């Protein structure tokens, strides 16, 4: 069964790096969103296996942690797993405190450790 990852707030090149990593290791589709509204709408209308959220959104540089808070506080979609995309441990810890799973940084895209973090959510 094909899995679905939603990547929120990354620029085109970073989105494509994540998409290529995911599609080369998993039978998964990667969809791009840009903010809270389109991400939450997608979560309400489609089964999503994992959401990755950039620490600073590419379109307006707003804080991705706010999207994680909105997702996790919503009873309808709050059970969907979410990861923050950042190289900074303190921001990963803040995301985990809000209910996210420990994510990965852009410098870690494609590493065995990152693929291992994604396996529980994207392995068929």
PDB file of N, CA and C in Angstrom:
ATOM      1  N   UNK A   1       0.842  -1.190   0.000  1.00  0.00           N
ATOM      2  CA  UNK A   1       0.000   0.000   0.000  1.00  0.00           C
ATOM      3  C   UNK A   1       0.882   1.247   0.000  1.00  0.00           C
ATOM      4  N   UNK A   2       0.598   2.157  -0.901  1.00  0.00           N
ATOM      5  CA  UNK A   2       1.368   3.384  -1.008  1.00  0.00           C
ATOM      6  C   UNK A   2       1.080   4.279   0.190  1.00  0.00           C
ATOM      7  N   UNK A   3       2.147   4.772   0.814  1.00  0.00           N
ATOM      8  CA  UNK A   3       2.032   5.695   1.943  1.00  0.00           C
ATOM      9  C   UNK A   3       2.078   7.123   1.409  1.00  0.00           C
ATOM     10  N   UNK A   4       1.661   8.085   2.247  1.00  0.00           N
ATOM     11  CA  UNK A   4       1.673   9.490   1.842  1.00  0.00           C
ATOM     12  C   UNK A   4       2.323  10.341   2.918  1.00  0.00           C
ATOM     13  N   UNK A   5       3.307  11.124   2.494  1.00  0.00           N
ATOM     14  CA  UNK A   5       3.964  12.109   3.352  1.00  0.00           C
ATOM     15  C   UNK A   5       3.594  13.484   2.832  1.00  0.00           C
ATOM     16  N   UNK A   6       3.254  14.389   3.736  1.00  0.00           N
ATOM     17  CA  UNK A   6       3.024  15.787   3.383  1.00  0.00           C
ATOM     18  C   UNK A   6       4.211  16.575   3.921  1.00  0.00           C
ATOM     19  N   UNK A   7       4.854  17.326   3.040  1.00  0.00           N
ATOM     20  CA  UNK A   7       5.979  18.174   3.426  1.00  0.00           C
ATOM     21  C   UNK A   7       5.515  19.619   3.377  1.00  0.00           C
ATOM     22  N   UNK A   8       5.560  20.288   4.513  1.00  0.00           N
ATOM     23  CA  UNK A   8       5.045  21.649   4.641  1.00  0.00           C
ATOM     24  C   UNK A   8       6.172  22.657   4.819  1.00  0.00           C
ATOM     25  N   UNK A   9       6.151  23.684   3.993  1.00  0.00           N
ATOM     26  CA  UNK A   9       6.975  24.856   4.228  1.00  0.00           C
ATOM     27  C   UNK A   9       8.395  24.821   3.721  1.00  0.00           C
ATOM     28  N   UNK A  10       8.748  23.812   2.930  1.00  0.00           N
ATOM     29  CA  UNK A  10      10.095  23.782   2.375  1.00  0.00           C
ATOM     30  C   UNK A  10      10.103  24.410   0.983  1.00  0.00           C
ATOM     31  N   UNK A  11      11.223  25.034   0.625  1.00  0.00           N
ATOM     32  CA  UNK A  11      11.386  25.588  -0.711  1.00  0.00           C
ATOM     33  C   UNK A  11      11.459  24.446  -1.720  1.00  0.00           C
ATOM     34  N   UNK A  12      11.351  24.767  -2.988  1.00  0.00           N
ATOM     35  CA  UNK A  12      11.361  23.759  -4.039  1.00  0.00           C
ATOM     36  C   UNK A  12      12.538  22.796  -3.981  1.00  0.00           C
ATOM     37  N   UNK A  13      13.777  23.294  -3.901  1.00  0.00           N
ATOM     38  CA  UNK A  13      14.912  22.365  -3.854  1.00  0.00           C
ATOM     39  C   UNK A  13      14.905  21.447  -2.628  1.00  0.00           C
ATOM     40  N   UNK A  14      14.543  21.976  -1.471  1.00  0.00           N
ATOM     41  CA  UNK A  14      14.499  21.136  -0.264  1.00  0.00           C
ATOM     42  C   UNK A  14      13.352  20.131  -0.340  1.00  0.00           C
ATOM     43  N   UNK A  15      12.204  20.569  -0.847  1.00  0.00           N
ATOM     44  CA  UNK A  15      11.092  19.643  -1.048  1.00  0.00           C
ATOM     45  C   UNK A  15      11.520  18.512  -1.974  1.00  0.00           C
ATOM     46  N   UNK A  16      12.189  18.841  -3.069  1.00  0.00           N
ATOM     47  CA  UNK A  16      12.612  17.810  -4.013  1.00  0.00           C
ATOM     48  C   UNK A  16      13.634  16.859  -3.397  1.00  0.00           C
ATOM     49  N   UNK A  17      14.503  17.357  -2.534  1.00  0.00           N
ATOM     50  CA  UNK A  17      15.460  16.483  -1.843  1.00  0.00           C
ATOM     51  C   UNK A  17      14.730  15.499  -0.939  1.00  0.00           C
ATOM     52  N   UNK A  18      13.738  15.991  -0.208  1.00  0.00           N
ATOM     53  CA  UNK A  18      12.954  15.116   0.667  1.00  0.00           C
ATOM     54  C   UNK A  18      12.155  14.121  -0.176  1.00  0.00           C
ATOM     55  N   UNK A  19      11.536  14.606  -1.245  1.00  0.00           N
ATOM     56  CA  UNK A  19      10.749  13.740  -2.130  1.00  0.00           C
ATOM     57  C   UNK A  19      11.607  12.623  -2.718  1.00  0.00           C
ATOM     58  N   UNK A  20      12.786  12.968  -3.204  1.00  0.00           N
ATOM     59  CA  UNK A  20      13.681  11.964  -3.783  1.00  0.00           C
ATOM     60  C   UNK A  20      14.132  10.953  -2.739  1.00  0.00           C
ATOM     61  N   UNK A  21      14.463  11.422  -1.531  1.00  0.00           N
ATOM     62  CA  UNK A  21      14.875  10.509  -0.472  1.00  0.00           C
ATOM     63  C   UNK A  21      13.747   9.531  -0.153  1.00  0.00           C
ATOM     64  N   UNK A  22      12.543  10.057   0.025  1.00  0.00           N
ATOM     65  CA  UNK A  22      11.410   9.214   0.399  1.00  0.00           C
ATOM     66  C   UNK A  22      11.075   8.233  -0.722  1.00  0.00           C
ATOM     67  N   UNK A  23      11.002   8.715  -1.949  1.00  0.00           N
ATOM     68  CA  UNK A  23      10.607   7.824  -3.039  1.00  0.00           C
ATOM     69  C   UNK A  23      11.682   6.792  -3.370  1.00  0.00           C
ATOM     70  N   UNK A  24      12.928   7.056  -3.019  1.00  0.00           N
ATOM     71  CA  UNK A  24      13.971   6.063  -3.298  1.00  0.00           C
ATOM     72  C   UNK A  24      14.054   4.976  -2.231  1.00  0.00           C
ATOM     73  N   UNK A  25      13.443   5.208  -1.075  1.00  0.00           N
ATOM     74  CA  UNK A  25      13.498   4.222   0.015  1.00  0.00           C
ATOM     75  C   UNK A  25      12.146   3.598   0.359  1.00  0.00           C
ATOM     76  N   UNK A  26      11.058   4.234  -0.072  1.00  0.00           N
ATOM     77  CA  UNK A  26       9.732   3.782   0.334  1.00  0.00           C
ATOM     78  C   UNK A  26       8.767   3.834  -0.848  1.00  0.00           C
ATOM     79  N   UNK A  27       7.700   3.037  -0.760  1.00  0.00           N
ATOM     80  CA  UNK A  27       6.601   3.115  -1.708  1.00  0.00           C
ATOM     81  C   UNK A  27       5.674   4.212  -1.176  1.00  0.00           C
ATOM     82  N   UNK A  28       6.042   5.457  -1.467  1.00  0.00           N
ATOM     83  CA  UNK A  28       5.329   6.585  -0.861  1.00  0.00           C
ATOM     84  C   UNK A  28       5.225   7.755  -1.833  1.00  0.00           C
ATOM     85  N   UNK A  29       4.149   8.485  -1.681  1.00  0.00           N
ATOM     86  CA  UNK A  29       3.907   9.727  -2.403  1.00  0.00           C
ATOM     87  C   UNK A  29       4.252  10.875  -1.468  1.00  0.00           C
ATOM     88  N   UNK A  30       4.842  11.929  -2.008  1.00  0.00           N
ATOM     89  CA  UNK A  30       5.171  13.107  -1.209  1.00  0.00           C
ATOM     90  C   UNK A  30       4.440  14.301  -1.808  1.00  0.00           C
ATOM     91  N   UNK A  31       3.620  14.940  -0.973  1.00  0.00           N
ATOM     92  CA  UNK A  31       2.851  16.111  -1.386  1.00  0.00           C
ATOM     93  C   UNK A  31       3.417  17.348  -0.697  1.00  0.00           C
ATOM     94  N   UNK A  32       3.353  18.480  -1.381  1.00  0.00           N
ATOM     95  CA  UNK A  32       3.876  19.721  -0.812  1.00  0.00           C
ATOM     96  C   UNK A  32       2.746  20.657  -0.399  1.00  0.00           C
ATOM     97  N   UNK A  33       2.885  21.218   0.801  1.00  0.00           N
ATOM     98  CA  UNK A  33       1.995  22.286   1.259  1.00  0.00           C
ATOM     99  C   UNK A  33       2.877  23.450   1.715  1.00  0.00           C
ATOM    100  N   UNK A  34       2.240  24.590   1.974  1.00  0.00           N
ATOM    101  CA  UNK A  34       3.019  25.791   2.256  1.00  0.00           C
ATOM    102  C   UNK A  34       2.690  26.470   3.581  1.00  0.00           C
ATOM    103  N   UNK A  35       1.607  26.061   4.228  1.00  0.00           N
ATOM    104  CA  UNK A  35       1.229  26.701   5.479  1.00  0.00           C
ATOM    105  C   UNK A  35       0.195  25.882   6.223  1.00  0.00           C
ATOM    106  N   UNK A  36      -0.320  26.458   7.289  1.00  0.00           N
ATOM    107  CA  UNK A  36      -1.269  25.742   8.144  1.00  0.00           C
ATOM    108  C   UNK A  36      -2.561  25.414   7.409  1.00  0.00           C
ATOM    109  N   UNK A  37      -3.086  26.361   6.646  1.00  0.00           N
ATOM    110  CA  UNK A  37      -4.393  26.177   6.032  1.00  0.00           C
ATOM    111  C   UNK A  37      -4.405  25.006   5.047  1.00  0.00           C
ATOM    112  N   UNK A  38      -3.456  25.006   4.093  1.00  0.00           N
ATOM    113  CA  UNK A  38      -3.488  23.943   3.098  1.00  0.00           C
ATOM    114  C   UNK A  38      -3.069  22.599   3.692  1.00  0.00           C
ATOM    115  N   UNK A  39      -2.218  22.615   4.708  1.00  0.00           N
ATOM    116  CA  UNK A  39      -1.822  21.369   5.358  1.00  0.00           C
ATOM    117  C   UNK A  39      -3.003  20.758   6.106  1.00  0.00           C
ATOM    118  N   UNK A  40      -3.685  21.561   6.890  1.00  0.00           N
ATOM    119  CA  UNK A  40      -4.825  21.058   7.664  1.00  0.00           C
ATOM    120  C   UNK A  40      -5.957  20.605   6.737  1.00  0.00           C
ATOM    121  N   UNK A  41      -6.192  21.341   5.673  1.00  0.00           N
ATOM    122  CA  UNK A  41      -7.231  20.926   4.714  1.00  0.00           C
ATOM    123  C   UNK A  41      -6.891  19.558   4.112  1.00  0.00           C
ATOM    124  N   UNK A  42      -5.645  19.352   3.752  1.00  0.00           N
ATOM    125  CA  UNK A  42      -5.229  18.067   3.203  1.00  0.00           C
ATOM    126  C   UNK A  42      -5.392  16.949   4.227  1.00  0.00           C
ATOM    127  N   UNK A  43      -5.028  17.226   5.470  1.00  0.00           N
ATOM    128  CA  UNK A  43      -5.167  16.228   6.531  1.00  0.00           C
ATOM    129  C   UNK A  43      -6.627  15.854   6.771  1.00  0.00           C
ATOM    130  N   UNK A  44      -7.517  16.787   6.604  1.00  0.00           N
ATOM    131  CA  UNK A  44      -8.944  16.519   6.810  1.00  0.00           C
ATOM    132  C   UNK A  44      -9.567  15.725   5.653  1.00  0.00           C
ATOM    133  N   UNK A  45      -8.956  15.817   4.469  1.00  0.00           N
ATOM    134  CA  UNK A  45      -9.577  15.245   3.279  1.00  0.00           C
ATOM    135  C   UNK A  45      -8.886  14.012   2.708  1.00  0.00           C
ATOM    136  N   UNK A  46      -7.789  13.608   3.307  1.00  0.00           N
ATOM    137  CA  UNK A  46      -7.029  12.494   2.741  1.00  0.00           C
ATOM    138  C   UNK A  46      -6.264  11.783   3.856  1.00  0.00           C
ATOM    139  N   UNK A  47      -6.072  10.483   3.710  1.00  0.00           N
ATOM    140  CA  UNK A  47      -5.265   9.759   4.697  1.00  0.00           C
ATOM    141  C   UNK A  47      -3.794  10.123   4.489  1.00  0.00           C
ATOM    142  N   UNK A  48      -3.156  10.628   5.530  1.00  0.00           N
ATOM    143  CA  UNK A  48      -1.743  11.016   5.499  1.00  0.00           C
ATOM    144  C   UNK A  48      -1.022  10.200   6.562  1.00  0.00           C
ATOM    145  N   UNK A  49       0.123   9.640   6.194  1.00  0.00           N
ATOM    146  CA  UNK A  49       0.879   8.797   7.114  1.00  0.00           C
ATOM    147  C   UNK A  49       1.899   9.577   7.933  1.00  0.00           C
ATOM    148  N   UNK A  50       2.379  10.708   7.404  1.00  0.00           N
ATOM    149  CA  UNK A  50       3.384  11.515   8.108  1.00  0.00           C
ATOM    150  C   UNK A  50       3.388  12.915   7.523  1.00  0.00           C
ATOM    151  N   UNK A  51       3.586  13.908   8.406  1.00  0.00           N
ATOM    152  CA  UNK A  51       3.755  15.298   7.982  1.00  0.00           C
ATOM    153  C   UNK A  51       5.144  15.741   8.435  1.00  0.00           C
ATOM    154  N   UNK A  52       5.894  16.343   7.524  1.00  0.00           N
ATOM    155  CA  UNK A  52       7.137  17.008   7.908  1.00  0.00           C
ATOM    156  C   UNK A  52       6.912  18.503   7.763  1.00  0.00           C
ATOM    157  N   UNK A  53       7.392  19.270   8.736  1.00  0.00           N
ATOM    158  CA  UNK A  53       7.180  20.714   8.749  1.00  0.00           C
ATOM    159  C   UNK A  53       8.542  21.398   8.891  1.00  0.00           C
ATOM    160  N   UNK A  54       8.833  22.302   7.979  1.00  0.00           N
ATOM    161  CA  UNK A  54      10.078  23.061   8.057  1.00  0.00           C
ATOM    162  C   UNK A  54      10.041  23.987   9.272  1.00  0.00           C
ATOM    163  N   UNK A  55      11.178  24.184   9.904  1.00  0.00           N
ATOM    164  CA  UNK A  55      11.243  25.052  11.093  1.00  0.00           C
ATOM    165  C   UNK A  55      10.815  26.477  10.757  1.00  0.00           C
ATOM    166  N   UNK A  56      11.262  26.992   9.622  1.00  0.00           N
ATOM    167  CA  UNK A  56      10.850  28.315   9.156  1.00  0.00           C
ATOM    168  C   UNK A  56      10.264  28.150   7.766  1.00  0.00           C
ATOM    169  N   UNK A  57       8.995  28.492   7.608  1.00  0.00           N
ATOM    170  CA  UNK A  57       8.296  28.276   6.344  1.00  0.00           C
ATOM    171  C   UNK A  57       8.884  29.144   5.239  1.00  0.00           C
ATOM    172  N   UNK A  58       9.039  28.567   4.066  1.00  0.00           N
ATOM    173  CA  UNK A  58       9.709  29.258   2.971  1.00  0.00           C
ATOM    174  C   UNK A  58       8.956  30.482   2.471  1.00  0.00           C
ATOM    175  N   UNK A  59       7.654  30.479   2.522  1.00  0.00           N
ATOM    176  CA  UNK A  59       6.890  31.592   1.932  1.00  0.00           C
ATOM    177  C   UNK A  59       6.890  32.859   2.786  1.00  0.00           C
ATOM    178  N   UNK A  60       6.817  32.697   4.110  1.00  0.00           N
ATOM    179  CA  UNK A  60       6.744  33.901   4.953  1.00  0.00           C
ATOM    180  C   UNK A  60       7.664  33.853   6.169  1.00  0.00           C
ATOM    181  N   UNK A  61       8.466  32.828   6.273  1.00  0.00           N
ATOM    182  CA  UNK A  61       9.431  32.621   7.352  1.00  0.00           C
ATOM    183  C   UNK A  61       8.761  32.536   8.729  1.00  0.00           C
ATOM    184  N   UNK A  62       7.465  32.188   8.747  1.00  0.00           N
ATOM    185  CA  UNK A  62       6.794  31.988  10.028  1.00  0.00           C
ATOM    186  C   UNK A  62       7.278  30.688  10.656  1.00  0.00           C
ATOM    187  N   UNK A  63       6.960  30.496  11.912  1.00  0.00           N
ATOM    188  CA  UNK A  63       7.474  29.378  12.695  1.00  0.00           C
ATOM    189  C   UNK A  63       6.679  28.107  12.430  1.00  0.00           C
ATOM    190  N   UNK A  64       7.353  27.070  11.955  1.00  0.00           N
ATOM    191  CA  UNK A  64       6.711  25.793  11.692  1.00  0.00           C
ATOM    192  C   UNK A  64       6.155  25.127  12.936  1.00  0.00           C
ATOM    193  N   UNK A  65       6.699  25.468  14.094  1.00  0.00           N
ATOM    194  CA  UNK A  65       6.195  24.907  15.346  1.00  0.00           C
ATOM    195  C   UNK A  65       4.722  25.255  15.547  1.00  0.00           C
ATOM    196  N   UNK A  66       4.300  26.407  15.048  1.00  0.00           N
ATOM    197  CA  UNK A  66       2.896  26.795  15.169  1.00  0.00           C
ATOM    198  C   UNK A  66       1.984  25.850  14.390  1.00  0.00           C
ATOM    199  N   UNK A  67       2.449  25.362  13.248  1.00  0.00           N
ATOM    200  CA  UNK A  67       1.655  24.395  12.480  1.00  0.00           C
ATOM    201  C   UNK A  67       1.554  23.088  13.249  1.00  0.00           C
ATOM    202  N   UNK A  68       2.658  22.669  13.846  1.00  0.00           N
ATOM    203  CA  UNK A  68       2.633  21.443  14.653  1.00  0.00           C
ATOM    204  C   UNK A  68       1.640  21.590  15.797  1.00  0.00           C
ATOM    205  N   UNK A  69       1.634  22.715  16.471  1.00  0.00           N
ATOM    206  CA  UNK A  69       0.689  22.953  17.570  1.00  0.00           C
ATOM    207  C   UNK A  69      -0.754  22.863  17.081  1.00  0.00           C
ATOM    208  N   UNK A  70      -1.042  23.459  15.905  1.00  0.00           N
ATOM    209  CA  UNK A  70      -2.401  23.429  15.362  1.00  0.00           C
ATOM    210  C   UNK A  70      -2.829  22.004  15.023  1.00  0.00           C
ATOM    211  N   UNK A  71      -1.935  21.251  14.418  1.00  0.00           N
ATOM    212  CA  UNK A  71      -2.272  19.868  14.064  1.00  0.00           C
ATOM    213  C   UNK A  71      -2.511  19.047  15.320  1.00  0.00           C
ATOM    214  N   UNK A  72      -1.597  19.127  16.263  1.00  0.00           N
ATOM    215  CA  UNK A  72      -1.656  18.276  17.454  1.00  0.00           C
ATOM    216  C   UNK A  72      -2.801  18.652  18.397  1.00  0.00           C
ATOM    217  N   UNK A  73      -3.270  19.888  18.329  1.00  0.00           N
ATOM    218  CA  UNK A  73      -4.371  20.297  19.208  1.00  0.00           C
ATOM    219  C   UNK A  73      -5.743  20.033  18.603  1.00  0.00           C
ATOM    220  N   UNK A  74      -5.775  19.582  17.360  1.00  0.00           N
ATOM    221  CA  UNK A  74      -7.042  19.334  16.669  1.00  0.00           C
ATOM    222  C   UNK A  74      -7.451  17.879  16.875  1.00  0.00           C
ATOM    223  N   UNK A  75      -8.597  17.629  17.531  1.00  0.00           N
ATOM    224  CA  UNK A  75      -8.998  16.243  17.813  1.00  0.00           C
ATOM    225  C   UNK A  75      -9.211  15.387  16.566  1.00  0.00           C
ATOM    226  N   UNK A  76      -9.560  15.999  15.458  1.00  0.00           N
ATOM    227  CA  UNK A  76      -9.824  15.252  14.223  1.00  0.00           C
ATOM    228  C   UNK A  76      -8.539  14.763  13.540  1.00  0.00           C
ATOM    229  N   UNK A  77      -7.462  15.543  13.635  1.00  0.00           N
ATOM    230  CA  UNK A  77      -6.230  15.200  12.912  1.00  0.00           C
ATOM    231  C   UNK A  77      -5.011  15.079  13.819  1.00  0.00           C
ATOM    232  N   UNK A  78      -5.199  15.264  15.098  1.00  0.00           N
ATOM    233  CA  UNK A  78      -4.079  15.299  16.040  1.00  0.00           C
ATOM    234  C   UNK A  78      -3.290  14.014  16.168  1.00  0.00           C
ATOM    235  N   UNK A  79      -3.844  12.908  15.703  1.00  0.00           N
ATOM    236  CA  UNK A  79      -3.125  11.634  15.807  1.00  0.00           C
ATOM    237  C   UNK A  79      -2.158  11.398  14.642  1.00  0.00           C
ATOM    238  N   UNK A  80      -2.192  12.249  13.625  1.00  0.00           N
ATOM    239  CA  UNK A  80      -1.279  12.098  12.494  1.00  0.00           C
ATOM    240  C   UNK A  80       0.147  12.412  12.963  1.00  0.00           C
ATOM    241  N   UNK A  81       1.102  11.537  12.685  1.00  0.00           N
ATOM    242  CA  UNK A  81       2.483  11.797  13.088  1.00  0.00           C
ATOM    243  C   UNK A  81       3.069  13.004  12.353  1.00  0.00           C
ATOM    244  N   UNK A  82       3.831  13.794  13.091  1.00  0.00           N
ATOM    245  CA  UNK A  82       4.439  15.008  12.548  1.00  0.00           C
ATOM    246  C   UNK A  82       5.902  15.049  12.973  1.00  0.00           C
ATOM    247  N   UNK A  83       6.762  15.508  12.070  1.00  0.00           N
ATOM    248  CA  UNK A  83       8.187  15.720  12.361  1.00  0.00           C
ATOM    249  C   UNK A  83       8.574  17.133  11.953  1.00  0.00           C
ATOM    250  N   UNK A  84       9.454  17.743  12.739  1.00  0.00           N
ATOM    251  CA  UNK A  84      10.017  19.040  12.388  1.00  0.00           C
ATOM    252  C   UNK A  84      11.291  18.817  11.585  1.00  0.00           C
ATOM    253  N   UNK A  85      11.470  19.604  10.539  1.00  0.00           N
ATOM    254  CA  UNK A  85      12.694  19.543   9.743  1.00  0.00           C
ATOM    255  C   UNK A  85      13.587  20.700  10.190  1.00  0.00           C
ATOM    256  N   UNK A  86      14.609  20.362  10.977  1.00  0.00           N
ATOM    257  CA  UNK A  86      15.580  21.347  11.445  1.00  0.00           C
ATOM    258  C   UNK A  86      16.831  20.643  11.925  1.00  0.00           C
ATOM    259  N   UNK A  87      17.945  21.318  11.784  1.00  0.00           N
ATOM    260  CA  UNK A  87      19.222  20.796  12.281  1.00  0.00           C
ATOM    261  C   UNK A  87      19.438  21.131  13.751  1.00  0.00           C
ATOM    262  N   UNK A  88      18.577  21.964  14.345  1.00  0.00           N
ATOM    263  CA  UNK A  88      18.784  22.458  15.705  1.00  0.00           C
ATOM    264  C   UNK A  88      18.061  21.600  16.740  1.00  0.00           C
ATOM    265  N   UNK A  89      18.834  20.997  17.627  1.00  0.00           N
ATOM    266  CA  UNK A  89      18.274  20.094  18.635  1.00  0.00           C
ATOM    267  C   UNK A  89      17.251  20.792  19.536  1.00  0.00           C
ATOM    268  N   UNK A  90      17.489  22.045  19.900  1.00  0.00           N
ATOM    269  CA  UNK A  90      16.551  22.731  20.795  1.00  0.00           C
ATOM    270  C   UNK A  90      15.179  22.892  20.142  1.00  0.00           C
ATOM    271  N   UNK A  91      15.148  23.071  18.832  1.00  0.00           N
ATOM    272  CA  UNK A  91      13.867  23.178  18.131  1.00  0.00           C
ATOM    273  C   UNK A  91      13.211  21.802  17.986  1.00  0.00           C
ATOM    274  N   UNK A  92      14.021  20.757  17.800  1.00  0.00           N
ATOM    275  CA  UNK A  92      13.481  19.395  17.787  1.00  0.00           C
ATOM    276  C   UNK A  92      12.828  19.091  19.132  1.00  0.00           C
ATOM    277  N   UNK A  93      13.494  19.463  20.208  1.00  0.00           N
ATOM    278  CA  UNK A  93      12.954  19.213  21.551  1.00  0.00           C
ATOM    279  C   UNK A  93      11.638  19.961  21.756  1.00  0.00           C
ATOM    280  N   UNK A  94      11.564  21.194  21.284  1.00  0.00           N
ATOM    281  CA  UNK A  94      10.322  21.968  21.405  1.00  0.00           C
ATOM    282  C   UNK A  94       9.187  21.304  20.628  1.00  0.00           C
ATOM    283  N   UNK A  95       9.498  20.782  19.448  1.00  0.00           N
ATOM    284  CA  UNK A  95       8.478  20.097  18.646  1.00  0.00           C
ATOM    285  C   UNK A  95       8.008  18.825  19.336  1.00  0.00           C
ATOM    286  N   UNK A  96       8.930  18.071  19.894  1.00  0.00           N
ATOM    287  CA  UNK A  96       8.570  16.844  20.618  1.00  0.00           C
ATOM    288  C   UNK A  96       7.679  17.187  21.812  1.00  0.00           C
ATOM    289  N   UNK A  97       7.986  18.290  22.486  1.00  0.00           N
ATOM    290  CA  UNK A  97       7.165  18.719  23.630  1.00  0.00           C
ATOM    291  C   UNK A  97       5.730  19.031  23.206  1.00  0.00           C
ATOM    292  N   UNK A  98       5.538  19.374  21.930  1.00  0.00           N
ATOM    293  CA  UNK A  98       4.192  19.668  21.402  1.00  0.00           C
ATOM    294  C   UNK A  98       3.508  18.432  20.823  1.00  0.00           C
ATOM    295  N   UNK A  99       4.182  17.284  20.871  1.00  0.00           N
ATOM    296  CA  UNK A  99       3.563  16.055  20.405  1.00  0.00           C
ATOM    297  C   UNK A  99       4.141  15.493  19.115  1.00  0.00           C
ATOM    298  N   UNK A 100       5.144  16.158  18.554  1.00  0.00           N
ATOM    299  CA  UNK A 100       5.773  15.665  17.328  1.00  0.00           C
ATOM    300  C   UNK A 100       6.719  14.511  17.646  1.00  0.00           C
ATOM    301  N   UNK A 101       7.067  13.772  16.615  1.00  0.00           N
ATOM    302  CA  UNK A 101       8.112  12.764  16.692  1.00  0.00           C
ATOM    303  C   UNK A 101       9.421  13.454  16.353  1.00  0.00           C
ATOM    304  N   UNK A 102      10.514  13.026  16.997  1.00  0.00           N
ATOM    305  CA  UNK A 102      11.814  13.647  16.732  1.00  0.00           C
ATOM    306  C   UNK A 102      12.123  13.543  15.249  1.00  0.00           C
ATOM    307  N   UNK A 103      12.387  14.681  14.614  1.00  0.00           N
ATOM    308  CA  UNK A 103      12.580  14.737  13.175  1.00  0.00           C
ATOM    309  C   UNK A 103      14.037  14.702  12.750  1.00  0.00           C
ATOM    310  N   UNK A 104      14.323  15.395  11.657  1.00  0.00           N
ATOM    311  CA  UNK A 104      15.652  15.386  11.066  1.00  0.00           C
ATOM    312  C   UNK A 104      15.945  16.763  10.488  1.00  0.00           C
ATOM    313  N   UNK A 105      17.222  17.015  10.240  1.00  0.00           N
ATOM    314  CA  UNK A 105      17.633  18.274   9.639  1.00  0.00           C
ATOM    315  C   UNK A 105      17.928  18.114   8.164  1.00  0.00           C
ATOM    316  N   UNK A 106      18.010  19.224   7.476  1.00  0.00           N
ATOM    317  CA  UNK A 106      18.286  19.187   6.038  1.00  0.00           C
ATOM    318  C   UNK A 106      19.661  18.601   5.752  1.00  0.00           C
ATOM    319  N   UNK A 107      20.590  18.759   6.676  1.00  0.00           N
ATOM    320  CA  UNK A 107      21.916  18.176   6.492  1.00  0.00           C
ATOM    321  C   UNK A 107      21.889  16.660   6.605  1.00  0.00           C
ATOM    322  N   UNK A 108      20.781  16.120   7.130  1.00  0.00           N
ATOM    323  CA  UNK A 108      20.654  14.676   7.344  1.00  0.00           C
ATOM    324  C   UNK A 108      19.793  13.985   6.278  1.00  0.00           C
ATOM    325  N   UNK A 109      19.298  14.732   5.303  1.00  0.00           N
ATOM    326  CA  UNK A 109      18.445  14.138   4.277  1.00  0.00           C
ATOM    327  C   UNK A 109      19.240  13.061   3.536  1.00  0.00           C
ATOM    328  N   UNK A 110      18.662  11.881   3.481  1.00  0.00           N
ATOM    329  CA  UNK A 110      19.278  10.777   2.768  1.00  0.00           C
ATOM    330  C   UNK A 110      20.198   9.902   3.596  1.00  0.00           C
ATOM    331  N   UNK A 111      20.470  10.294   4.833  1.00  0.00           N
ATOM    332  CA  UNK A 111      21.346   9.470   5.661  1.00  0.00           C
ATOM    333  C   UNK A 111      20.589   8.242   6.155  1.00  0.00           C
ATOM    334  N   UNK A 112      21.318   7.179   6.477  1.00  0.00           N
ATOM    335  CA  UNK A 112      20.650   5.991   7.022  1.00  0.00           C
ATOM    336  C   UNK A 112      19.849   6.299   8.292  1.00  0.00           C
ATOM    337  N   UNK A 113      20.337   7.204   9.124  1.00  0.00           N
ATOM    338  CA  UNK A 113      19.617   7.536  10.363  1.00  0.00           C
ATOM    339  C   UNK A 113      18.262   8.179  10.061  1.00  0.00           C
ATOM    340  N   UNK A 114      18.203   9.017   9.054  1.00  0.00           N
ATOM    341  CA  UNK A 114      16.934   9.658   8.697  1.00  0.00           C
ATOM    342  C   UNK A 114      15.973   8.649   8.088  1.00  0.00           C
ATOM    343  N   UNK A 115      16.480   7.809   7.209  1.00  0.00           N
ATOM    344  CA  UNK A 115      15.625   6.771   6.626  1.00  0.00           C
ATOM    345  C   UNK A 115      15.052   5.895   7.744  1.00  0.00           C
ATOM    346  N   UNK A 116      15.865   5.590   8.725  1.00  0.00           N
ATOM    347  CA  UNK A 116      15.407   4.784   9.866  1.00  0.00           C
ATOM    348  C   UNK A 116      14.307   5.503  10.654  1.00  0.00           C
ATOM    349  N   UNK A 117      14.413   6.821  10.802  1.00  0.00           N
ATOM    350  CA  UNK A 117      13.368   7.589  11.496  1.00  0.00           C
ATOM    351  C   UNK A 117      12.044   7.551  10.727  1.00  0.00           C
ATOM    352  N   UNK A 118      12.130   7.500   9.413  1.00  0.00           N
ATOM    353  CA  UNK A 118      10.922   7.515   8.577  1.00  0.00           C
ATOM    354  C   UNK A 118      10.263   6.147   8.440  1.00  0.00           C
ATOM    355  N   UNK A 119      11.028   5.091   8.633  1.00  0.00           N
ATOM    356  CA  UNK A 119      10.522   3.726   8.417  1.00  0.00           C
ATOM    357  C   UNK A 119       9.226   3.409   9.168  1.00  0.00           C
ATOM    358  N   UNK A 120       9.106   3.736  10.452  1.00  0.00           N
ATOM    359  CA  UNK A 120       7.861   3.364  11.139  1.00  0.00           C
ATOM    360  C   UNK A 120       6.599   3.955  10.508  1.00  0.00           C
ATOM    361  N   UNK A 121       6.740   5.040   9.776  1.00  0.00           N
ATOM    362  CA  UNK A 121       5.595   5.740   9.203  1.00  0.00           C
ATOM    363  C   UNK A 121       5.392   5.452   7.722  1.00  0.00           C
ATOM    364  N   UNK A 122       6.472   5.122   7.009  1.00  0.00           N
ATOM    365  CA  UNK A 122       6.383   5.012   5.559  1.00  0.00           C
ATOM    366  C   UNK A 122       6.671   3.631   5.000  1.00  0.00           C
ATOM    367  N   UNK A 123       7.114   2.710   5.823  1.00  0.00           N
ATOM    368  CA  UNK A 123       7.382   1.358   5.331  1.00  0.00           C
ATOM    369  C   UNK A 123       6.056   0.650   5.061  1.00  0.00           C
ATOM    370  N   UNK A 124       5.969   0.020   3.902  1.00  0.00           N
ATOM    371  CA  UNK A 124       4.720  -0.665   3.524  1.00  0.00           C
ATOM    372  C   UNK A 124       4.548  -1.954   4.284  1.00  0.00           C
TER     373      UNK A 124
END
